[in-house]
Amino acid sequence: MDSPLAFSDCPPGALPVRAIMVQSMKKDALEVKAEETASFWELLAVQEKKLFNFLHKALNFSEDSSDLYQDVVIRAWKYFPSFDRNRSFSAWIFAVAHNEIKKYFKKRKAYQSVIPLALLAVEPAAHADDPAVALIHGAARQLPPRQREIFFLFYYNKFSIAEIAAICGLRQGNVKFILSRGRAAVRQNLEATHEK
């Protein structure tokens, strides 16, 4: 079978099909990148408020929380191509935030974050003036950093034990233990405050 034009008949560099394919691949790569960008921002938009509140409380309402939020978004954007689309985006982005919080405190040589109990699974604005909530926040502020973080993730962000384990890099049993110890400590702190 004779082909009308064999590759050997073309002068070097004169393969128009290849040039079209390369150009098409570049367009496809740009389209994929644009879709990925749109996907990232859509997923982030759903978590944006919870994520910022988490960081804000983790840094004890410091002005640094805005900068840390930007660091988290930049880090998440950088590693978004490696994000497994079959997993929970919220757990993934909070894991990124968790790691950035650890870096933040490591740089300051103190892991003294304050993450309150956070309204026991209600929106923060809902009971802002509630004295009971203020007491819970005060008691939660006295917890060690790991317990505060896990309390906040469980009560405010409503993550499951399994999701918290993935976020913090712990076993589920450890998360349950830390959560239980934190509850007991908050209860003790509240009882001590009530007795005064």
Protein backbone atom coordinates (compact mmCIF):
# COMPACT_ATOMS: atom_id res chain seq x y z
CA MET A 1 0.00 0.00 0.00
CA ASP A 2 1.50 3.28 -1.04
CA SER A 3 0.78 6.28 1.12
CA PRO A 4 0.50 9.57 -0.70
CA LEU A 5 3.05 11.20 1.60
CA ALA A 6 5.49 9.35 3.80
CA PHE A 7 7.30 11.02 6.70
CA SER A 8 10.57 10.46 4.87
CA ASP A 9 9.26 12.57 1.96
CA CYS A 10 8.79 15.63 4.23
CA PRO A 11 11.67 18.01 4.77
CA PRO A 12 12.92 18.13 8.40
CA GLY A 13 10.74 20.32 10.64
CA ALA A 14 7.93 20.43 8.13
CA LEU A 15 5.45 18.23 9.93
CA PRO A 16 2.40 20.48 10.12
CA VAL A 17 0.39 17.82 11.94
CA ARG A 18 2.90 17.80 14.78
CA ALA A 19 2.83 21.57 15.08
CA ILE A 20 -0.97 21.51 15.18
CA MET A 21 -0.91 18.77 17.80
CA VAL A 22 1.57 20.66 19.99
CA GLN A 23 -0.51 23.82 19.65
CA SER A 24 -3.66 21.85 20.44
CA MET A 25 -1.98 20.25 23.46
CA LYS A 26 -1.00 23.70 24.72
CA LYS A 27 -4.61 24.85 24.37
CA ASP A 28 -5.83 21.71 26.14
CA ALA A 29 -3.34 22.27 28.96
CA LEU A 30 -4.52 25.88 29.30
CA GLU A 31 -8.14 24.74 29.37
CA VAL A 32 -7.34 22.12 32.02
CA LYS A 33 -5.50 24.75 34.07
CA ALA A 34 -8.46 27.13 33.75
CA GLU A 35 -10.88 24.39 34.83
CA GLU A 36 -8.62 23.49 37.74
CA THR A 37 -8.44 27.14 38.79
CA ALA A 38 -12.22 27.49 38.65
CA SER A 39 -12.66 24.25 40.58
CA PHE A 40 -10.25 25.36 43.32
CA TRP A 41 -11.98 28.71 43.85
CA GLU A 42 -15.44 27.13 43.85
CA LEU A 43 -14.40 24.59 46.48
CA LEU A 44 -12.63 27.24 48.54
CA ALA A 45 -15.63 29.59 48.44
CA VAL A 46 -17.70 27.02 50.33
CA GLN A 47 -15.05 26.70 53.09
CA GLU A 48 -13.79 30.28 53.13
CA LYS A 49 -15.67 31.59 56.17
CA LYS A 50 -15.16 28.45 58.28
CA LEU A 51 -11.48 28.35 57.36
CA PHE A 52 -10.88 32.00 58.23
CA ASN A 53 -12.77 31.65 61.53
CA PHE A 54 -10.73 28.55 62.37
CA LEU A 55 -7.47 30.43 61.74
CA HIS A 56 -8.70 33.54 63.53
CA LYS A 57 -9.55 31.58 66.65
CA ALA A 58 -6.40 29.45 66.40
CA LEU A 59 -4.30 32.62 66.60
CA ASN A 60 -6.37 34.01 69.47
CA PHE A 61 -8.00 36.62 67.25
CA SER A 62 -4.63 38.00 66.18
CA GLU A 63 -4.24 40.27 63.18
CA ASP A 64 -1.84 37.64 61.86
CA SER A 65 -4.81 35.43 61.02
CA SER A 66 -5.40 37.30 57.74
CA ASP A 67 -1.81 36.71 56.69
CA LEU A 68 -1.99 33.08 57.74
CA TYR A 69 -5.22 32.67 55.76
CA GLN A 70 -3.39 33.92 52.67
CA ASP A 71 -0.52 31.52 53.36
CA VAL A 72 -2.99 28.63 53.61
CA VAL A 73 -4.69 29.58 50.34
CA ILE A 74 -1.36 29.92 48.55
CA ARG A 75 -0.14 26.56 49.91
CA ALA A 76 -3.45 24.89 49.01
CA TRP A 77 -3.36 26.37 45.51
CA LYS A 78 0.21 25.17 45.03
CA TYR A 79 -0.66 21.61 46.01
CA PHE A 80 -4.19 21.50 44.58
CA PRO A 81 -3.09 19.42 41.57
CA SER A 82 -2.17 16.64 44.01
CA PHE A 83 -5.56 16.81 45.78
CA ASP A 84 -7.46 13.53 45.41
CA ARG A 85 -10.88 14.54 44.05
CA ASN A 86 -12.43 11.46 45.71
CA ARG A 87 -11.65 12.85 49.17
CA SER A 88 -13.23 15.66 51.15
CA PHE A 89 -11.93 19.07 50.13
CA SER A 90 -12.86 20.56 53.51
CA ALA A 91 -10.80 17.98 55.39
CA TRP A 92 -7.91 18.52 52.97
CA ILE A 93 -7.90 22.33 53.24
CA PHE A 94 -8.18 22.17 57.03
CA ALA A 95 -5.23 19.80 57.08
CA VAL A 96 -3.28 22.41 55.09
CA ALA A 97 -4.42 25.04 57.61
CA HIS A 98 -3.43 22.79 60.53
CA ASN A 99 0.08 22.45 59.10
CA GLU A 100 0.38 26.20 58.54
CA ILE A 101 -0.72 26.86 62.14
CA LYS A 102 1.97 24.50 63.38
CA LYS A 103 4.55 26.33 61.26
CA TYR A 104 3.31 29.68 62.55
CA PHE A 105 3.78 28.70 66.18
CA LYS A 106 7.00 26.88 65.54
CA LYS A 107 8.42 30.10 64.10
CA ARG A 108 7.43 31.92 67.27
CA LYS A 109 8.79 29.10 69.45
CA ALA A 110 5.50 28.76 71.25
CA TYR A 111 2.48 26.69 70.43
CA GLN A 112 0.07 28.76 72.46
CA SER A 113 -2.89 28.96 70.12
CA VAL A 114 -6.29 29.63 71.55
CA ILE A 115 -9.11 27.77 69.87
CA PRO A 116 -12.28 28.03 71.91
CA LEU A 117 -15.03 25.46 72.07
CA ALA A 118 -16.70 27.67 69.50
CA LEU A 119 -20.31 27.79 70.47
CA LEU A 120 -20.82 24.05 70.64
CA ALA A 121 -21.70 23.61 66.98
CA VAL A 122 -23.67 26.79 66.39
CA GLU A 123 -22.77 29.75 64.26
CA PRO A 124 -20.53 32.28 66.04
CA ALA A 125 -22.81 35.25 65.49
CA ALA A 126 -25.86 33.34 66.72
CA HIS A 127 -25.08 33.55 70.44
CA ALA A 128 -22.29 36.10 70.61
CA ASP A 129 -23.83 37.79 73.68
CA ASP A 130 -24.77 34.55 75.44
CA PRO A 131 -22.98 34.45 78.82
CA ALA A 132 -22.91 30.64 78.80
CA VAL A 133 -21.05 30.69 75.49
CA ALA A 134 -18.61 33.23 76.92
CA LEU A 135 -17.97 30.89 79.84
CA ILE A 136 -17.36 27.96 77.51
CA HIS A 137 -14.97 30.07 75.46
CA GLY A 138 -13.11 31.10 78.59
CA ALA A 139 -12.83 27.50 79.75
CA ALA A 140 -11.73 26.32 76.30
CA ARG A 141 -9.02 28.99 76.17
CA GLN A 142 -7.32 27.27 79.09
CA LEU A 143 -6.99 23.96 77.24
CA PRO A 144 -3.63 22.90 75.82
CA PRO A 145 -3.27 23.79 72.13
CA ARG A 146 -3.95 20.31 70.71
CA GLN A 147 -7.16 19.95 72.74
CA ARG A 148 -8.36 23.43 71.73
CA GLU A 149 -7.76 22.66 68.08
CA ILE A 150 -9.60 19.35 68.18
CA PHE A 151 -12.49 20.87 70.15
CA PHE A 152 -12.81 23.64 67.59
CA LEU A 153 -12.72 21.24 64.65
CA PHE A 154 -15.31 18.97 66.29
CA TYR A 155 -17.77 21.49 67.74
CA TYR A 156 -17.52 24.46 65.41
CA ASN A 157 -16.60 22.98 62.07
CA LYS A 158 -18.54 19.78 62.70
CA PHE A 159 -15.83 17.48 61.40
CA SER A 160 -16.18 13.82 62.24
CA ILE A 161 -13.60 11.99 64.34
CA ALA A 162 -12.25 10.36 61.17
CA GLU A 163 -11.90 13.73 59.42
CA ILE A 164 -10.17 15.30 62.42
CA ALA A 165 -7.78 12.35 62.51
CA ALA A 166 -6.94 12.97 58.85
CA ILE A 167 -6.55 16.72 59.39
CA CYS A 168 -4.30 16.40 62.45
CA GLY A 169 -2.43 13.30 61.35
CA LEU A 170 -3.61 11.29 64.35
CA ARG A 171 -5.35 7.98 64.85
CA GLN A 172 -9.08 8.11 65.50
CA GLY A 173 -8.59 6.65 68.96
CA ASN A 174 -6.16 9.46 69.79
CA VAL A 175 -8.66 12.07 68.59
CA LYS A 176 -11.39 10.54 70.77
CA PHE A 177 -9.03 10.49 73.75
CA ILE A 178 -7.96 14.11 73.27
CA LEU A 179 -11.57 15.20 72.77
CA SER A 180 -12.66 13.35 75.91
CA ARG A 181 -9.84 14.89 77.96
CA GLY A 182 -10.70 18.32 76.59
CA ARG A 183 -14.38 17.92 77.50
CA ALA A 184 -13.44 16.88 81.02
CA ALA A 185 -11.07 19.85 81.35
CA VAL A 186 -13.71 22.30 80.08
CA ARG A 187 -16.23 20.82 82.52
CA GLN A 188 -13.72 21.21 85.38
CA ASN A 189 -12.90 24.77 84.35
CA LEU A 190 -16.59 25.64 84.20
CA GLU A 191 -17.22 24.08 87.63
CA ALA A 192 -14.27 25.96 89.11
CA THR A 193 -15.54 29.23 87.60
CA HIS A 194 -19.06 28.55 88.87
CA GLU A 195 -17.82 27.91 92.42
CA LYS A 196 -16.04 31.29 92.56
